[in-house]
């Protein structure tokens, strides 16, 4: 069962999901950080900008590397639960 089916099964029809476009609710722009950024800095970026994921773009020495991946709030939580520190 996907997310929509689960929501529909537990809450009935959800008109908002049928009528709203992604562009109506998305965060404009993309928050990015380098692959060498600390988890603390990424967590602060997410909290400051109210986002739940940040794109990893290049590294501190070479931006032309391009897109490397995405780190999410769940990734940060998982790191903390494994005992990793968010400090640099």
N, C-alpha and C. Protein backbone atom coordinates (compact mmCIF):
# COMPACT_ATOMS: atom_id res chain seq x y z
N UNK A 1 0.86 -1.18 0.00
CA UNK A 1 0.00 0.00 0.00
C UNK A 1 0.90 1.24 0.00
N UNK A 2 0.69 2.12 -0.97
CA UNK A 2 1.50 3.33 -1.02
C UNK A 2 0.93 4.39 -0.07
N UNK A 3 1.62 5.50 0.05
CA UNK A 3 1.23 6.55 1.00
C UNK A 3 -0.18 7.07 0.72
N UNK A 4 -0.49 7.32 -0.55
CA UNK A 4 -1.82 7.83 -0.89
C UNK A 4 -2.90 6.83 -0.49
N UNK A 5 -2.68 5.56 -0.81
CA UNK A 5 -3.67 4.53 -0.46
C UNK A 5 -3.85 4.43 1.05
N UNK A 6 -2.77 4.53 1.79
CA UNK A 6 -2.85 4.47 3.25
C UNK A 6 -3.64 5.65 3.80
N UNK A 7 -3.33 6.85 3.32
CA UNK A 7 -4.07 8.03 3.76
C UNK A 7 -5.55 7.91 3.40
N UNK A 8 -5.83 7.46 2.19
CA UNK A 8 -7.23 7.32 1.75
C UNK A 8 -7.96 6.29 2.61
N UNK A 9 -7.29 5.18 2.93
CA UNK A 9 -7.91 4.12 3.72
C UNK A 9 -8.19 4.57 5.15
N UNK A 10 -7.31 5.41 5.71
CA UNK A 10 -7.48 5.83 7.11
C UNK A 10 -8.29 7.10 7.26
N UNK A 11 -8.28 7.98 6.25
CA UNK A 11 -8.95 9.28 6.38
C UNK A 11 -10.03 9.53 5.33
N UNK A 12 -10.23 8.60 4.42
CA UNK A 12 -11.20 8.82 3.36
C UNK A 12 -10.62 9.71 2.28
N UNK A 13 -11.45 10.17 1.35
CA UNK A 13 -10.96 11.03 0.28
C UNK A 13 -10.31 12.30 0.84
N UNK A 14 -9.23 12.70 0.23
CA UNK A 14 -8.52 13.90 0.68
C UNK A 14 -8.46 14.86 -0.51
N UNK A 15 -9.45 15.78 -0.59
CA UNK A 15 -9.52 16.69 -1.73
C UNK A 15 -8.23 17.48 -1.97
N UNK A 16 -7.54 17.85 -0.91
CA UNK A 16 -6.32 18.62 -1.07
C UNK A 16 -5.32 17.89 -1.95
N UNK A 17 -5.18 16.58 -1.78
CA UNK A 17 -4.24 15.82 -2.58
C UNK A 17 -4.66 15.74 -4.04
N UNK A 18 -5.95 15.87 -4.27
CA UNK A 18 -6.46 15.80 -5.64
C UNK A 18 -6.38 17.15 -6.35
N UNK A 19 -6.44 18.25 -5.60
CA UNK A 19 -6.55 19.56 -6.23
C UNK A 19 -5.28 20.40 -6.17
N UNK A 20 -4.45 20.19 -5.17
CA UNK A 20 -3.22 20.98 -5.06
C UNK A 20 -2.15 20.44 -5.99
N UNK A 21 -1.36 21.35 -6.53
CA UNK A 21 -0.21 20.97 -7.34
C UNK A 21 1.03 21.00 -6.46
N UNK A 22 2.03 20.29 -6.86
CA UNK A 22 3.30 20.29 -6.13
C UNK A 22 3.81 21.72 -6.00
N UNK A 23 3.68 22.50 -7.05
CA UNK A 23 4.18 23.88 -7.02
C UNK A 23 3.47 24.74 -5.98
N UNK A 24 2.27 24.33 -5.54
CA UNK A 24 1.53 25.07 -4.52
C UNK A 24 2.10 24.87 -3.13
N UNK A 25 2.78 23.77 -2.89
CA UNK A 25 3.22 23.45 -1.53
C UNK A 25 4.72 23.23 -1.39
N UNK A 26 5.44 23.23 -2.49
CA UNK A 26 6.88 22.94 -2.43
C UNK A 26 7.67 24.13 -1.86
N UNK A 27 8.86 23.85 -1.41
CA UNK A 27 9.80 24.88 -0.99
C UNK A 27 10.51 25.36 -2.24
N UNK A 28 10.51 26.68 -2.50
CA UNK A 28 11.19 27.17 -3.70
C UNK A 28 12.71 27.06 -3.56
N UNK A 29 13.35 26.71 -4.62
CA UNK A 29 14.80 26.62 -4.60
C UNK A 29 15.29 25.31 -4.02
N UNK A 30 16.58 25.15 -4.01
CA UNK A 30 17.20 23.93 -3.49
C UNK A 30 18.28 24.33 -2.50
N UNK A 31 18.22 23.75 -1.32
CA UNK A 31 19.26 23.98 -0.32
C UNK A 31 20.38 22.99 -0.61
N UNK A 32 21.62 23.46 -0.61
CA UNK A 32 22.76 22.59 -0.91
C UNK A 32 23.84 22.72 0.15
N UNK A 33 24.70 21.72 0.20
CA UNK A 33 25.91 21.77 1.02
C UNK A 33 26.97 20.92 0.32
N UNK A 34 28.19 21.06 0.76
CA UNK A 34 29.29 20.26 0.22
C UNK A 34 29.36 18.91 0.93
N UNK A 35 30.00 17.97 0.30
CA UNK A 35 30.11 16.63 0.88
C UNK A 35 30.94 16.63 2.16
N UNK A 36 31.77 17.64 2.37
CA UNK A 36 32.58 17.73 3.58
C UNK A 36 31.92 18.49 4.71
N UNK A 37 30.69 18.95 4.52
CA UNK A 37 29.97 19.68 5.57
C UNK A 37 29.72 18.77 6.76
N UNK A 38 29.70 19.34 7.95
CA UNK A 38 29.39 18.54 9.14
C UNK A 38 27.89 18.27 9.21
N UNK A 39 27.51 17.20 9.87
CA UNK A 39 26.10 16.90 10.07
C UNK A 39 25.42 18.04 10.83
N UNK A 40 26.16 18.65 11.75
CA UNK A 40 25.63 19.79 12.52
C UNK A 40 25.24 20.93 11.58
N UNK A 41 26.12 21.25 10.63
CA UNK A 41 25.83 22.34 9.69
C UNK A 41 24.61 22.02 8.83
N UNK A 42 24.50 20.76 8.39
CA UNK A 42 23.35 20.36 7.58
C UNK A 42 22.07 20.45 8.41
N UNK A 43 22.11 19.98 9.66
CA UNK A 43 20.94 20.06 10.53
C UNK A 43 20.52 21.51 10.75
N UNK A 44 21.50 22.38 10.93
CA UNK A 44 21.20 23.81 11.13
C UNK A 44 20.57 24.40 9.86
N UNK A 45 21.07 24.03 8.70
CA UNK A 45 20.50 24.51 7.43
C UNK A 45 19.04 24.07 7.30
N UNK A 46 18.78 22.80 7.61
CA UNK A 46 17.40 22.29 7.54
C UNK A 46 16.48 23.06 8.48
N UNK A 47 16.93 23.27 9.71
CA UNK A 47 16.10 23.97 10.70
C UNK A 47 15.89 25.43 10.31
N UNK A 48 16.92 26.08 9.85
CA UNK A 48 16.83 27.50 9.49
C UNK A 48 15.87 27.73 8.34
N UNK A 49 15.90 26.83 7.35
CA UNK A 49 15.12 27.03 6.14
C UNK A 49 13.83 26.20 6.10
N UNK A 50 13.58 25.44 7.16
CA UNK A 50 12.34 24.67 7.22
C UNK A 50 12.23 23.60 6.15
N UNK A 51 13.34 22.93 5.85
CA UNK A 51 13.34 21.86 4.85
C UNK A 51 13.72 20.55 5.52
N UNK A 52 13.42 19.45 4.86
CA UNK A 52 13.69 18.14 5.43
C UNK A 52 14.76 17.38 4.66
N UNK A 53 15.34 18.04 3.65
CA UNK A 53 16.43 17.42 2.91
C UNK A 53 17.29 18.50 2.28
N UNK A 54 18.54 18.14 2.04
CA UNK A 54 19.51 19.06 1.46
C UNK A 54 20.27 18.30 0.37
N UNK A 55 20.45 18.93 -0.78
CA UNK A 55 21.21 18.32 -1.86
C UNK A 55 22.70 18.48 -1.58
N UNK A 56 23.45 17.42 -1.84
CA UNK A 56 24.91 17.46 -1.68
C UNK A 56 25.50 17.78 -3.05
N UNK A 57 26.24 18.89 -3.12
CA UNK A 57 26.75 19.38 -4.39
C UNK A 57 28.25 19.58 -4.28
N UNK A 58 29.03 18.80 -5.02
CA UNK A 58 30.47 18.96 -5.06
C UNK A 58 31.13 18.79 -3.72
N UNK A 59 32.34 19.25 -3.62
CA UNK A 59 33.02 19.28 -2.34
C UNK A 59 33.61 20.66 -2.14
N UNK A 60 34.20 20.89 -1.00
CA UNK A 60 34.67 22.24 -0.68
C UNK A 60 35.69 22.75 -1.68
N UNK A 61 36.44 21.86 -2.29
CA UNK A 61 37.47 22.29 -3.22
C UNK A 61 37.05 22.32 -4.67
N UNK A 62 35.96 21.66 -5.01
CA UNK A 62 35.59 21.51 -6.41
C UNK A 62 34.09 21.41 -6.60
N UNK A 63 33.43 22.55 -6.88
CA UNK A 63 31.99 22.55 -7.12
C UNK A 63 31.60 21.87 -8.43
N UNK A 64 32.55 21.80 -9.38
CA UNK A 64 32.20 21.26 -10.69
C UNK A 64 31.93 19.75 -10.65
N UNK A 65 32.18 19.12 -9.50
CA UNK A 65 31.86 17.69 -9.37
C UNK A 65 30.37 17.49 -9.58
N UNK A 66 29.56 18.46 -9.17
CA UNK A 66 28.12 18.41 -9.38
C UNK A 66 27.37 17.69 -8.28
N UNK A 67 26.17 17.27 -8.62
CA UNK A 67 25.25 16.64 -7.67
C UNK A 67 25.77 15.28 -7.24
N UNK A 68 25.83 15.07 -5.91
CA UNK A 68 26.31 13.79 -5.38
C UNK A 68 25.22 12.98 -4.70
N UNK A 69 24.20 13.64 -4.18
CA UNK A 69 23.14 12.92 -3.49
C UNK A 69 22.29 13.85 -2.65
N UNK A 70 21.49 13.26 -1.78
CA UNK A 70 20.59 14.01 -0.90
C UNK A 70 20.74 13.47 0.51
N UNK A 71 20.79 14.36 1.49
CA UNK A 71 20.73 13.94 2.89
C UNK A 71 19.41 14.43 3.45
N UNK A 72 18.72 13.57 4.15
CA UNK A 72 17.40 13.91 4.69
C UNK A 72 17.44 14.00 6.21
N UNK A 73 16.37 14.54 6.77
CA UNK A 73 16.24 14.59 8.23
C UNK A 73 16.27 13.17 8.80
N UNK A 74 15.71 12.21 8.08
CA UNK A 74 15.74 10.82 8.53
C UNK A 74 17.18 10.29 8.54
N UNK A 75 18.01 10.70 7.58
CA UNK A 75 19.41 10.30 7.58
C UNK A 75 20.12 10.84 8.83
N UNK A 76 19.82 12.09 9.19
CA UNK A 76 20.43 12.68 10.38
C UNK A 76 19.98 11.95 11.64
N UNK A 77 18.69 11.67 11.73
CA UNK A 77 18.16 10.95 12.88
C UNK A 77 18.79 9.56 12.98
N UNK A 78 18.92 8.88 11.87
CA UNK A 78 19.54 7.56 11.85
C UNK A 78 20.98 7.62 12.34
N UNK A 79 21.73 8.65 11.94
CA UNK A 79 23.12 8.82 12.37
C UNK A 79 23.18 9.00 13.89
N UNK A 80 22.29 9.82 14.42
CA UNK A 80 22.26 10.07 15.85
C UNK A 80 21.91 8.78 16.60
N UNK A 81 20.95 8.03 16.08
CA UNK A 81 20.55 6.79 16.74
C UNK A 81 21.67 5.74 16.71
N UNK A 82 22.56 5.84 15.72
CA UNK A 82 23.71 4.94 15.68
C UNK A 82 24.83 5.43 16.59
N UNK A 83 24.63 6.57 17.23
CA UNK A 83 25.62 7.10 18.15
C UNK A 83 26.62 8.05 17.53
N UNK A 84 26.39 8.44 16.28
CA UNK A 84 27.29 9.38 15.64
C UNK A 84 27.01 10.78 16.15
N UNK A 85 28.04 11.58 16.22
CA UNK A 85 27.90 12.95 16.70
C UNK A 85 27.57 13.88 15.54
N UNK A 86 26.74 14.89 15.79
CA UNK A 86 26.46 15.90 14.77
C UNK A 86 27.53 16.97 14.74
N UNK A 87 28.42 16.98 15.72
CA UNK A 87 29.48 17.99 15.78
C UNK A 87 30.48 17.77 14.67
N UNK A 88 31.16 18.87 14.29
CA UNK A 88 32.19 18.75 13.25
C UNK A 88 33.42 18.07 13.78
